[in-house]
Amino acid sequence: MDRPVDRYTSLEETYRRLEVLRDSHARALENVIALGDLSAFDLFLPGLVEKSLHLTKGFLAMFDDWNLIVAAPIVRMQIECLVRLAYVSKHPEAIPEALEKPFDRILGPDGRHLTDPQLVTLAREDHPWVGPVYGRVSTERMNLPPQQPLTSDTVTGNDGGAMADIQARLDERFPESFLAEVLAAMEQATSEILAYISRREVSKKHPGWTIRPPRR
């Protein structure tokens, strides 16, 4: 059975960019750590980078397997990584707490707990796209057509018809436009995470520079 990227050539460019991003995590972190003089922000990065890397690997594996029920929520988790990184880049004073306990147990400047939806709201100025996407990439909001079960007769066919029928049903359940939307959101979230890390490297090489939010 074809992977989505093999079936729809429109997905190729974004998919290849995400593969490159997947392979860039370790080097991006190493470049920051190798410069020494580790700050609280630098100590926050390894755990987040490791999570982002595993999420990217998991997303690509699930996407290849047409498992969007799992792949779409992975995008949600990657956005959570992004908005946490965005928050601590603006509020480094929160990092010691963030290293010790979950974000939702930390109080923000306005006295509210830093739940993931709250962090998404706080990130709107620098990452305006995350709010609408974060609300959509969950199984409850994917708005997909109902799944039709495969019968035993279908999956045991010996003439190749079974695979063709499975592919047809996947095409119906996960249209090209939906695949493109989910893939693009994962690529953008991952790209912006790595952009923060790249900016940290630059700021260490050029003291006085600030870690500005990535712009696309």
Protein backbone atom coordinates (compact mmCIF):
# COMPACT_ATOMS: atom_id res chain seq x y z
CA MET A 1 0.00 0.00 0.00
CA ASP A 2 1.30 3.45 -0.95
CA ARG A 3 2.30 5.93 1.72
CA PRO A 4 0.40 9.24 1.57
CA VAL A 5 3.52 11.00 0.28
CA ASP A 6 3.82 8.42 -2.51
CA ARG A 7 0.16 8.75 -3.43
CA TYR A 8 0.02 12.55 -3.43
CA THR A 9 3.01 14.36 -4.92
CA SER A 10 1.74 17.63 -3.44
CA LEU A 11 2.91 16.39 -0.03
CA GLU A 12 6.50 15.66 -1.07
CA GLU A 13 8.14 19.02 -0.38
CA THR A 14 6.69 19.44 3.11
CA TYR A 15 7.38 15.81 3.96
CA ARG A 16 11.04 16.10 2.91
CA ARG A 17 11.45 19.28 4.96
CA LEU A 18 10.10 17.48 8.00
CA GLU A 19 12.57 14.63 7.44
CA VAL A 20 15.40 17.17 7.41
CA LEU A 21 14.07 18.73 10.60
CA ARG A 22 13.90 15.32 12.24
CA ASP A 23 17.57 14.78 11.51
CA SER A 24 18.53 18.28 12.70
CA HIS A 25 17.50 18.01 16.35
CA ALA A 26 20.69 16.52 17.79
CA ARG A 27 23.03 18.86 15.92
CA ALA A 28 21.01 21.94 16.86
CA LEU A 29 21.21 21.07 20.55
CA GLU A 30 24.88 20.09 20.36
CA ASN A 31 25.72 23.46 18.80
CA VAL A 32 24.20 25.27 21.78
CA ILE A 33 25.70 23.03 24.46
CA ALA A 34 29.16 23.08 22.87
CA LEU A 35 29.40 26.84 23.39
CA GLY A 36 29.41 26.32 27.16
CA ASP A 37 28.32 28.88 29.76
CA LEU A 38 25.03 27.04 30.19
CA SER A 39 22.07 29.12 31.24
CA ALA A 40 18.77 27.94 32.69
CA PHE A 41 17.34 28.16 29.17
CA ASP A 42 20.11 25.87 27.89
CA LEU A 43 19.34 23.35 30.63
CA PHE A 44 15.67 23.43 29.67
CA LEU A 45 16.42 22.53 26.05
CA PRO A 46 17.59 18.87 26.21
CA GLY A 47 14.34 17.44 27.54
CA LEU A 48 12.25 19.45 25.12
CA VAL A 49 14.46 18.62 22.15
CA GLU A 50 14.32 14.93 22.99
CA LYS A 51 10.53 15.06 23.17
CA SER A 52 10.29 16.99 19.90
CA LEU A 53 12.56 14.48 18.17
CA HIS A 54 10.51 11.49 19.33
CA LEU A 55 7.28 13.20 18.37
CA THR A 56 8.66 13.94 14.89
CA LYS A 57 9.78 10.35 14.42
CA GLY A 58 6.45 9.06 15.67
CA PHE A 59 4.49 11.41 13.45
CA LEU A 60 6.34 10.34 10.32
CA ALA A 61 5.86 6.66 11.14
CA MET A 62 2.13 7.09 11.77
CA PHE A 63 1.68 9.36 8.76
CA ASP A 64 3.38 6.79 6.51
CA ASP A 65 0.98 4.17 7.86
CA TRP A 66 -2.11 6.36 7.25
CA ASN A 67 -2.71 6.35 11.00
CA LEU A 68 -4.00 9.91 11.27
CA ILE A 69 -5.97 9.08 14.40
CA VAL A 70 -2.55 8.96 16.10
CA ALA A 71 -0.60 11.35 13.85
CA ALA A 72 -2.95 14.32 14.30
CA PRO A 73 -2.76 14.36 18.11
CA ILE A 74 1.04 14.17 17.81
CA VAL A 75 0.83 17.56 16.08
CA ARG A 76 -1.05 18.81 19.14
CA MET A 77 1.75 17.58 21.40
CA GLN A 78 4.38 19.22 19.19
CA ILE A 79 2.51 22.51 19.41
CA GLU A 80 2.59 22.13 23.19
CA CYS A 81 6.38 21.82 22.98
CA LEU A 82 6.50 24.97 20.87
CA VAL A 83 4.33 27.11 23.16
CA ARG A 84 6.28 25.99 26.24
CA LEU A 85 9.51 26.97 24.55
CA ALA A 86 7.96 30.27 23.48
CA TYR A 87 6.91 30.97 27.06
CA VAL A 88 10.25 30.28 28.72
CA SER A 89 12.07 32.32 26.06
CA LYS A 90 10.07 35.33 27.27
CA HIS A 91 9.93 34.33 30.92
CA PRO A 92 13.25 32.67 31.81
CA GLU A 93 12.42 33.19 35.47
CA ALA A 94 9.90 30.35 35.10
CA ILE A 95 12.53 27.82 34.00
CA PRO A 96 13.63 26.62 37.47
CA GLU A 97 10.01 25.69 38.24
CA ALA A 98 9.57 24.18 34.76
CA LEU A 99 12.54 21.90 35.41
CA GLU A 100 10.98 20.67 38.64
CA LYS A 101 7.26 20.32 37.96
CA PRO A 102 4.64 20.24 35.20
CA PHE A 103 3.77 23.53 33.53
CA ASP A 104 0.14 23.31 34.62
CA ARG A 105 1.29 23.61 38.22
CA ILE A 106 3.15 26.86 37.50
CA LEU A 107 1.44 30.23 37.84
CA GLY A 108 1.90 32.77 35.06
CA PRO A 109 2.31 36.53 35.57
CA ASP A 110 -1.48 36.93 35.65
CA GLY A 111 -1.87 34.30 38.36
CA ARG A 112 -3.33 31.65 36.05
CA HIS A 113 -1.94 28.15 35.85
CA LEU A 114 0.10 27.54 32.70
CA THR A 115 -2.07 24.85 31.20
CA ASP A 116 -1.45 24.01 27.58
CA PRO A 117 -4.54 25.92 26.34
CA GLN A 118 -3.36 28.93 28.37
CA LEU A 119 0.13 28.68 26.85
CA VAL A 120 -1.44 28.51 23.38
CA THR A 121 -3.34 31.70 24.17
CA LEU A 122 -0.19 33.43 25.43
CA ALA A 123 1.69 32.40 22.27
CA ARG A 124 -0.82 34.00 19.90
CA GLU A 125 1.17 37.19 19.40
CA ASP A 126 4.27 35.39 18.13
CA HIS A 127 2.63 32.24 16.76
CA PRO A 128 -0.89 33.25 15.65
CA TRP A 129 -1.45 30.05 13.71
CA VAL A 130 -1.25 27.71 16.71
CA GLY A 131 -4.62 28.57 18.23
CA PRO A 132 -6.85 27.44 15.34
CA VAL A 133 -4.68 24.41 14.57
CA TYR A 134 -4.41 23.32 18.21
CA GLY A 135 -8.19 23.24 18.41
CA ARG A 136 -8.50 21.08 15.31
CA VAL A 137 -5.82 18.42 15.64
CA SER A 138 -7.61 16.14 18.05
CA THR A 139 -9.72 13.10 17.24
CA GLU A 140 -12.82 14.90 18.45
CA ARG A 141 -12.41 17.79 16.01
CA MET A 142 -10.97 16.19 12.90
CA ASN A 143 -14.43 16.13 11.31
CA LEU A 144 -13.69 13.05 9.24
CA PRO A 145 -16.31 10.94 7.48
CA PRO A 146 -17.39 7.89 9.49
CA GLN A 147 -15.10 4.91 9.11
CA GLN A 148 -16.56 1.93 7.31
CA PRO A 149 -15.43 -1.44 8.69
CA LEU A 150 -13.54 -3.82 6.45
CA THR A 151 -15.25 -7.19 6.13
CA SER A 152 -13.49 -10.52 6.47
CA ASP A 153 -14.25 -11.19 2.81
CA THR A 154 -12.45 -8.00 1.85
CA VAL A 155 -9.30 -8.48 3.85
CA THR A 156 -8.85 -12.13 2.83
CA GLY A 157 -9.18 -11.60 -0.90
CA ASN A 158 -6.49 -13.24 -3.02
CA ASP A 159 -6.78 -11.20 -6.20
CA GLY A 160 -5.35 -7.90 -5.04
CA GLY A 161 -8.79 -6.46 -4.59
CA ALA A 162 -8.40 -6.29 -0.82
CA MET A 163 -5.52 -3.82 -0.91
CA ALA A 164 -7.27 -1.73 -3.55
CA ASP A 165 -10.38 -1.59 -1.38
CA ILE A 166 -8.37 -0.64 1.71
CA GLN A 167 -6.62 2.11 -0.26
CA ALA A 168 -9.93 3.43 -1.57
CA ARG A 169 -11.32 3.65 1.92
CA LEU A 170 -8.22 5.40 3.19
CA ASP A 171 -8.52 7.90 0.34
CA GLU A 172 -12.11 8.58 1.37
CA ARG A 173 -11.40 8.86 5.08
CA PHE A 174 -8.23 10.93 4.80
CA PRO A 175 -8.53 13.25 1.79
CA GLU A 176 -5.47 14.90 0.34
CA SER A 177 -6.39 18.31 1.75
CA PHE A 178 -6.58 16.94 5.29
CA LEU A 179 -3.27 15.11 4.96
CA ALA A 180 -1.65 18.30 3.69
CA GLU A 181 -3.04 20.35 6.59
CA VAL A 182 -1.83 17.95 9.27
CA LEU A 183 1.59 17.51 7.66
CA ALA A 184 2.08 21.27 7.23
CA ALA A 185 1.17 21.93 10.86
CA MET A 186 3.69 19.38 12.10
CA GLU A 187 6.41 20.78 9.85
CA GLN A 188 5.73 24.35 10.97
CA ALA A 189 5.68 23.53 14.68
CA THR A 190 8.91 21.55 14.40
CA SER A 191 10.58 24.22 12.29
CA GLU A 192 9.72 26.94 14.80
CA ILE A 193 11.02 24.85 17.70
CA LEU A 194 14.36 24.41 15.98
CA ALA A 195 14.40 28.09 15.04
CA TYR A 196 14.33 29.01 18.74
CA ILE A 197 17.31 26.73 19.31
CA SER A 198 19.19 28.21 16.36
CA ARG A 199 18.55 31.69 17.70
CA ARG A 200 19.89 30.61 21.06
CA GLU A 201 23.12 29.51 19.37
CA VAL A 202 23.41 32.89 17.67
CA SER A 203 22.70 34.77 20.91
CA LYS A 204 25.50 32.87 22.65
CA LYS A 205 27.92 33.67 19.87
CA HIS A 206 26.85 37.32 19.92
CA PRO A 207 26.14 38.35 23.53
CA GLY A 208 23.47 40.98 23.80
CA TRP A 209 21.25 39.45 21.14
CA THR A 210 17.84 38.35 22.30
CA ILE A 211 16.04 35.14 21.41
CA ARG A 212 13.28 36.53 19.26
CA PRO A 213 10.33 34.37 18.20
CA PRO A 214 10.81 32.81 14.76
CA ARG A 215 8.95 34.43 11.89
CA ARG A 216 7.78 32.61 8.77
